[in-house]
Amino acid sequence: MKIEVEICCGTACYLLGASQMVDIENDLPDGLKDSVEIIPRTCLGLCERDNIGKAPYVRFNKSEVMCEATEEKVISRIRELAAGTKEA
């Protein structure tokens, strides 16, 4: 099962760093590239929620939201999720 990584590319997210994360697949270690699906989204609609944090937003597997996402934080979380998937 692939890890689904949705990157919000709405205006605020894009300007605050999502533009650099869209090509994150190129920076993944070879062992993870086949385990991950990167999906740029026009907008995840998360800016409108109260108390969720700040843009840019990334959503993992349709449920877990990361706020103030950076490429390093996203790759780190992908590694954690991949390790959990392999243990199951």
Protein backbone atom coordinates (compact mmCIF):
# COMPACT_ATOMS: atom_id res chain seq x y z
CA MET A 1 0.00 0.00 0.00
CA LYS A 2 1.44 3.36 -1.04
CA ILE A 3 1.72 6.29 1.32
CA GLU A 4 -0.44 9.06 -0.11
CA VAL A 5 1.02 12.53 0.36
CA GLU A 6 -1.23 15.41 -0.66
CA ILE A 7 0.51 18.77 -0.91
CA CYS A 8 -1.74 21.81 -0.74
CA CYS A 9 -0.89 24.20 -3.56
CA GLY A 10 -3.44 26.88 -2.70
CA THR A 11 -2.10 30.43 -2.84
CA ALA A 12 -1.02 30.73 0.82
CA CYS A 13 0.54 27.26 0.95
CA TYR A 14 2.27 27.68 -2.39
CA LEU A 15 3.82 31.00 -1.39
CA LEU A 16 4.87 29.71 2.05
CA GLY A 17 6.80 26.72 0.73
CA ALA A 18 4.60 24.19 -1.03
CA SER A 19 6.16 25.27 -4.32
CA GLN A 20 9.41 23.63 -3.19
CA MET A 21 7.67 20.45 -2.02
CA VAL A 22 5.83 19.59 -5.23
CA ASP A 23 8.96 17.86 -6.56
CA ILE A 24 9.75 16.17 -3.25
CA GLU A 25 9.63 12.78 -4.97
CA ASN A 26 13.02 13.58 -6.55
CA ASP A 27 14.54 14.04 -3.09
CA LEU A 28 13.21 10.84 -1.54
CA PRO A 29 15.70 8.06 -0.85
CA ASP A 30 15.58 5.33 -3.50
CA GLY A 31 14.05 2.85 -1.06
CA LEU A 32 11.01 5.09 -0.52
CA LYS A 33 10.25 6.32 -4.03
CA ASP A 34 8.11 3.31 -4.95
CA SER A 35 6.23 3.47 -1.64
CA VAL A 36 4.96 7.03 -1.99
CA GLU A 37 2.43 8.80 -4.18
CA ILE A 38 2.83 12.59 -4.22
CA ILE A 39 -0.39 14.40 -5.12
CA PRO A 40 -0.37 18.18 -5.56
CA ARG A 41 -3.84 19.55 -4.73
CA THR A 42 -5.29 22.89 -5.77
CA CYS A 43 -6.39 23.45 -2.18
CA LEU A 44 -7.00 21.20 0.81
CA GLY A 45 -9.29 23.78 2.45
CA LEU A 46 -7.39 23.65 5.71
CA CYS A 47 -6.74 27.40 6.05
CA GLU A 48 -10.38 27.87 6.98
CA ARG A 49 -10.21 25.57 10.01
CA ASP A 50 -9.62 27.06 13.44
CA ASN A 51 -6.68 25.96 15.57
CA ILE A 52 -5.10 23.72 12.94
CA GLY A 53 -1.82 25.59 12.56
CA LYS A 54 -0.20 27.50 9.74
CA ALA A 55 0.39 26.88 6.06
CA PRO A 56 1.81 25.12 4.15
CA TYR A 57 -0.26 21.99 4.72
CA VAL A 58 0.38 18.39 3.76
CA ARG A 59 -2.05 15.52 4.31
CA PHE A 60 -0.93 11.91 4.68
CA ASN A 61 -3.19 8.99 3.76
CA LYS A 62 -6.30 11.21 3.64
CA SER A 63 -6.32 11.78 7.41
CA GLU A 64 -3.15 13.05 9.10
CA VAL A 65 -2.46 16.76 8.56
CA MET A 66 0.92 18.40 8.92
CA CYS A 67 0.98 22.17 9.28
CA GLU A 68 4.01 24.39 8.70
CA ALA A 69 5.30 21.60 6.49
CA THR A 70 8.81 21.62 5.12
CA GLU A 71 10.47 19.17 2.79
CA GLU A 72 12.56 17.83 5.69
CA LYS A 73 9.52 17.32 7.96
CA VAL A 74 7.56 15.62 5.17
CA ILE A 75 10.39 13.23 4.28
CA SER A 76 10.87 12.42 7.96
CA ARG A 77 7.17 11.58 8.35
CA ILE A 78 7.21 9.49 5.17
CA ARG A 79 10.11 7.49 6.65
CA GLU A 80 8.15 6.93 9.87
CA LEU A 81 5.04 5.85 8.00
CA ALA A 82 7.03 3.54 5.74
CA ALA A 83 8.68 1.91 8.74
CA GLY A 84 5.27 1.36 10.35
CA THR A 85 3.88 -0.10 7.13
CA LYS A 86 6.75 -2.58 6.85
CA GLU A 87 6.25 -3.73 10.45
CA ALA A 88 2.56 -4.44 9.98
